[in-house]
Structures are given as structure tokens and as C-alpha cells.
Amino acid sequence: MDKKNKNGEELRYIYQPKIKISISGAAETTYCSPSAFAKSEELGKMVAEKGIILITGATTGAPYWVARAAKIAGGMVIGMSPAVSEEAHLKSYHLPVDYHDFIIYTGFDYTGRNLLLTRSSDAIILVCGRIGTLNEFTIAFENNKPIGILTGSGGIAEEIKGITEKAHRGMGKIVYDSDPKKLLEKVLELIKKDKSKNGTLK
């Protein structure tokens, strides 16, 4: 119900969805840089402080580090599991459930999970990463999503610029930075442009 101010005029509220950002990164962090953990934590904290909903693959490694930091900072974290149920998530995939507000059990294994994860987000940010992160990157690229690359985090994140150059499909909506704070600001600017163009930013 719309409320009225002291002059009897109706006050109308426009409720808009919050910004949602997926963090894609290595679940097994052997090949991540020594600074990847600290940068992941900083990124998760800033996402929470800005009121952004964090979406992860409900997995270990870099996405877990970001989720943990975001939850400790009071943010909302949604997980997209490859498993069909919580039991399968825990016992078959051996994935965590802590530091998430809720987890969606897709039942679509990793490739299907990656598609839903990416399409449910306004943008994705890559931290370190291996082949699954590359898969999520290509989905986001093909869907013309804003993409942030945390350079200096190791893994596939360091190869994205070279991959896009060799692919000859343009450079997409990709921004790069080694500073998590600066990277997040760049990604938010891309999201703002998208939403302004689509008429979803009032």
C-alpha cells in the first residue's frame, strides 16, 4: 500500500532488484597467486558493504573465500550447486554449505550450473580460475555480460586478455584491475550502463 505524506499526497515507492554479481574462480587453488586469498577477502567484503548480492558456485577455493568474507561483512550470498540435493552436494560433490544464505540445487552438474550461475547475474568477476572459470567466462562473453578480471590472482584470469585477442570476436565488456576495489567500481560502472540502456535503472 502506498503511504501519504503530511500534505495528503501519495508517496509511491519503486522497488527494484538489487545488483547481483557472480564470483567465478578456482575451487582448487594450487595455481592461484599468493595474494589471491587476501584479494578475494577484500572483494567479498566490498561486495557486501555495497549491498550487492553475491552469487557463487557454492564451491571451495576462491569463491568460498569471497563468500566467507561477504557473509562476515553482513552481505547476502546465494549458491548455485551442481548437485540435485543437499545430500548430493555434501556427499557426492563434497562441497560446503556454510557462508551462504541459501543454495539452489540445480541438478545440472557443473556445465548446467555454470550457465544458470552466469545468467542469473548482472556481471561476473574472475578470481584466479581453471577450466570451469574459463567456461563461465565464455558463457558471460557470449551473453554480452560485464566481466571483471582480477589480475595478479593467478590461473586463467591471467590468460583472458590473450584469449580474447586470439579469438577475434572483439574485446567484450571486460575490465581489468589488480586492485579489488578499483575492479569492483569498474564492473559497477558497466552494470550501470547496461541498466540505463535497458531502462531498468531509474
Protein backbone atom coordinates (compact mmCIF):
# COMPACT_ATOMS: atom_id res chain seq x y z
CA MET A 1 0.00 0.00 0.00
CA ASP A 2 1.29 3.48 -0.90
CA LYS A 3 1.71 5.86 2.01
CA LYS A 4 0.82 9.57 2.15
CA ASN A 5 2.92 12.47 3.30
CA LYS A 6 1.74 15.19 5.72
CA ASN A 7 0.04 17.05 2.84
CA GLY A 8 -2.01 14.02 1.91
CA GLU A 9 -0.01 13.35 -1.25
CA GLU A 10 0.61 9.74 -2.15
CA LEU A 11 4.17 8.51 -1.85
CA ARG A 12 4.92 5.85 -4.41
CA TYR A 13 7.85 3.51 -3.99
CA ILE A 14 9.64 1.80 -6.82
CA TYR A 15 11.18 -1.49 -5.75
CA GLN A 16 14.00 -2.65 -7.97
CA PRO A 17 16.08 -5.82 -7.79
CA LYS A 18 19.47 -5.50 -6.16
CA ILE A 19 22.60 -5.82 -8.24
CA LYS A 20 23.85 -9.40 -8.43
CA ILE A 21 27.47 -10.29 -9.14
CA SER A 22 28.88 -13.78 -9.61
CA ILE A 23 32.37 -14.58 -8.45
CA SER A 24 33.96 -17.21 -10.64
CA GLY A 25 37.25 -18.72 -9.54
CA ALA A 26 39.35 -21.75 -8.84
CA ALA A 27 37.84 -24.29 -6.46
CA GLU A 28 41.29 -25.88 -6.19
CA THR A 29 43.71 -23.03 -5.52
CA THR A 30 47.16 -24.57 -6.08
CA TYR A 31 47.74 -22.36 -9.10
CA CYS A 32 46.39 -19.16 -7.59
CA SER A 33 48.85 -16.41 -6.70
CA PRO A 34 49.97 -15.91 -3.08
CA SER A 35 47.89 -12.71 -2.94
CA ALA A 36 44.67 -14.35 -4.21
CA PHE A 37 43.31 -15.15 -0.75
CA ALA A 38 43.67 -11.59 0.60
CA LYS A 39 42.29 -10.08 -2.60
CA SER A 40 39.32 -12.48 -2.54
CA GLU A 41 38.51 -11.50 1.03
CA GLU A 42 38.74 -7.80 0.20
CA LEU A 43 36.45 -8.29 -2.79
CA GLY A 44 33.85 -10.19 -0.76
CA LYS A 45 33.83 -7.55 1.96
CA MET A 46 33.33 -4.71 -0.54
CA VAL A 47 30.53 -6.55 -2.37
CA ALA A 48 28.69 -6.90 0.95
CA GLU A 49 29.30 -3.30 2.02
CA LYS A 50 27.81 -2.04 -1.24
CA GLY A 51 24.63 -4.09 -0.75
CA ILE A 52 25.31 -6.28 -3.77
CA ILE A 53 24.04 -9.85 -3.79
CA LEU A 54 26.90 -12.28 -4.25
CA ILE A 55 26.31 -15.43 -6.28
CA THR A 56 28.81 -18.28 -6.21
CA GLY A 57 29.03 -21.85 -7.45
CA ALA A 58 28.63 -23.00 -3.83
CA THR A 59 32.09 -24.44 -4.02
CA THR A 60 35.51 -24.40 -2.38
CA GLY A 61 38.55 -22.22 -3.08
CA ALA A 62 38.35 -18.64 -4.31
CA PRO A 63 34.51 -18.45 -4.49
CA TYR A 64 34.36 -19.78 -0.92
CA TRP A 65 36.89 -17.19 0.26
CA VAL A 66 34.78 -14.40 -1.25
CA ALA A 67 31.54 -15.86 0.17
CA ARG A 68 33.04 -16.13 3.64
CA ALA A 69 34.22 -12.52 3.64
CA ALA A 70 30.89 -11.28 2.29
CA LYS A 71 28.87 -13.12 4.95
CA ILE A 72 31.12 -11.93 7.77
CA ALA A 73 30.59 -8.38 6.47
CA GLY A 74 26.81 -8.89 6.59
CA GLY A 75 26.14 -9.48 2.90
CA MET A 76 23.75 -11.84 1.15
CA VAL A 77 25.28 -14.87 -0.55
CA ILE A 78 23.44 -17.25 -2.89
CA GLY A 79 25.00 -20.52 -4.02
CA MET A 80 24.29 -22.39 -7.26
CA SER A 81 25.12 -26.05 -6.71
CA PRO A 82 25.77 -28.60 -9.46
CA ALA A 83 24.08 -31.20 -7.25
CA VAL A 84 20.45 -32.31 -7.21
CA SER A 85 20.10 -32.10 -3.41
CA GLU A 86 21.88 -31.00 -0.25
CA GLU A 87 22.84 -34.61 0.40
CA ALA A 88 24.42 -34.97 -3.04
CA HIS A 89 26.08 -31.57 -2.65
CA LEU A 90 27.76 -32.72 0.56
CA LYS A 91 28.39 -36.41 -0.09
CA SER A 92 28.86 -36.73 -3.86
CA TYR A 93 30.38 -33.38 -4.76
CA HIS A 94 32.00 -32.74 -1.35
CA LEU A 95 31.10 -29.06 -1.42
CA PRO A 96 30.47 -26.68 1.51
CA VAL A 97 27.17 -25.16 2.62
CA ASP A 98 28.43 -22.60 5.15
CA TYR A 99 28.63 -18.85 4.47
CA HIS A 100 25.65 -18.97 2.10
CA ASP A 101 22.15 -17.67 2.86
CA PHE A 102 20.69 -20.34 0.66
CA ILE A 103 21.78 -22.74 -2.04
CA ILE A 104 19.88 -23.62 -5.20
CA TYR A 105 20.38 -27.28 -6.07
CA THR A 106 20.27 -27.21 -9.87
CA GLY A 107 20.89 -30.91 -10.53
CA PHE A 108 22.57 -29.88 -13.80
CA ASP A 109 26.16 -30.85 -12.92
CA TYR A 110 28.91 -28.29 -13.45
CA THR A 111 28.20 -27.18 -17.01
CA GLY A 112 24.50 -26.58 -16.39
CA ARG A 113 25.25 -24.92 -13.06
CA ASN A 114 27.71 -22.58 -14.77
CA LEU A 115 25.06 -21.46 -17.27
CA LEU A 116 22.49 -20.68 -14.55
CA LEU A 117 25.10 -19.00 -12.36
CA THR A 118 26.19 -16.68 -15.13
CA ARG A 119 22.75 -15.84 -16.49
CA SER A 120 21.40 -15.08 -13.02
CA SER A 121 23.97 -12.33 -12.54
CA ASP A 122 24.37 -8.77 -13.76
CA ALA A 123 28.12 -9.35 -14.10
CA ILE A 124 30.83 -11.83 -13.25
CA ILE A 125 34.25 -11.32 -11.72
CA LEU A 126 37.06 -13.82 -12.29
CA VAL A 127 39.48 -14.59 -9.48
CA CYS A 128 42.28 -16.99 -10.42
CA GLY A 129 40.47 -19.92 -12.04
CA ARG A 130 40.85 -23.07 -14.08
CA ILE A 131 38.75 -24.71 -16.82
CA GLY A 132 35.39 -24.17 -15.05
CA THR A 133 36.16 -20.49 -14.67
CA LEU A 134 37.01 -20.33 -18.37
CA ASN A 135 33.64 -21.97 -19.11
CA GLU A 136 31.82 -19.33 -17.07
CA PHE A 137 33.83 -16.60 -18.78
CA THR A 138 32.87 -17.80 -22.27
CA ILE A 139 29.19 -18.02 -21.29
CA ALA A 140 29.30 -14.47 -19.92
CA PHE A 141 31.17 -13.25 -23.01
CA GLU A 142 28.67 -14.86 -25.40
CA ASN A 143 25.80 -13.31 -23.42
CA ASN A 144 27.45 -9.87 -23.55
CA LYS A 145 27.69 -9.63 -19.76
CA PRO A 146 30.01 -7.22 -17.96
CA ILE A 147 33.12 -9.11 -16.85
CA GLY A 148 35.79 -8.13 -14.36
CA ILE A 149 39.21 -9.78 -14.28
CA LEU A 150 41.17 -9.63 -11.02
CA THR A 151 44.67 -9.55 -12.47
CA GLY A 152 47.50 -10.82 -10.34
CA SER A 153 45.30 -13.53 -8.83
CA GLY A 154 46.84 -16.26 -10.98
CA GLY A 155 45.33 -19.06 -13.04
CA ILE A 156 43.08 -18.48 -16.03
CA ALA A 157 42.47 -14.84 -15.04
CA GLU A 158 45.94 -14.06 -16.35
CA GLU A 159 45.15 -15.56 -19.76
CA ILE A 160 41.85 -13.83 -20.58
CA LYS A 161 43.32 -10.86 -22.44
CA GLY A 162 45.35 -13.16 -24.68
CA ILE A 163 42.38 -15.47 -25.25
CA THR A 164 40.10 -12.63 -26.34
CA GLU A 165 42.75 -11.23 -28.66
CA LYS A 166 43.25 -14.63 -30.35
CA ALA A 167 39.50 -15.33 -30.54
CA HIS A 168 38.89 -12.38 -32.90
CA ARG A 169 35.40 -11.72 -31.51
CA GLY A 170 36.05 -8.29 -30.09
CA MET A 171 37.10 -7.49 -26.54
CA GLY A 172 33.63 -7.65 -24.98
CA LYS A 173 32.59 -5.76 -21.86
CA ILE A 174 35.73 -6.68 -19.95
CA VAL A 175 37.61 -4.61 -17.39
CA TYR A 176 40.86 -5.49 -15.67
CA ASP A 177 42.48 -4.43 -12.41
CA SER A 178 44.73 -5.89 -9.74
CA ASP A 179 43.03 -3.80 -7.05
CA PRO A 180 39.72 -5.40 -5.91
CA LYS A 181 38.21 -2.03 -5.02
CA LYS A 182 39.02 -0.43 -8.37
CA LEU A 183 37.89 -3.54 -10.24
CA LEU A 184 34.52 -3.59 -8.49
CA GLU A 185 33.97 0.09 -9.30
CA LYS A 186 34.74 -0.58 -12.97
CA VAL A 187 32.32 -3.53 -13.04
CA LEU A 188 29.57 -1.47 -11.36
CA GLU A 189 30.02 1.24 -13.99
CA LEU A 190 29.48 -1.36 -16.74
CA ILE A 191 26.36 -2.66 -14.97
CA LYS A 192 25.04 0.90 -14.62
CA LYS A 193 25.48 1.47 -18.37
CA ASP A 194 23.66 -1.78 -19.16
CA LYS A 195 20.76 -0.99 -16.84
CA SER A 196 20.48 2.58 -18.11
CA LYS A 197 20.33 1.30 -21.69
CA ASN A 198 17.72 -1.32 -20.77
CA GLY A 199 15.60 1.17 -18.85
CA THR A 200 15.94 -0.76 -15.58
CA LEU A 201 17.90 1.97 -13.82
CA LYS A 202 15.66 4.81 -12.62
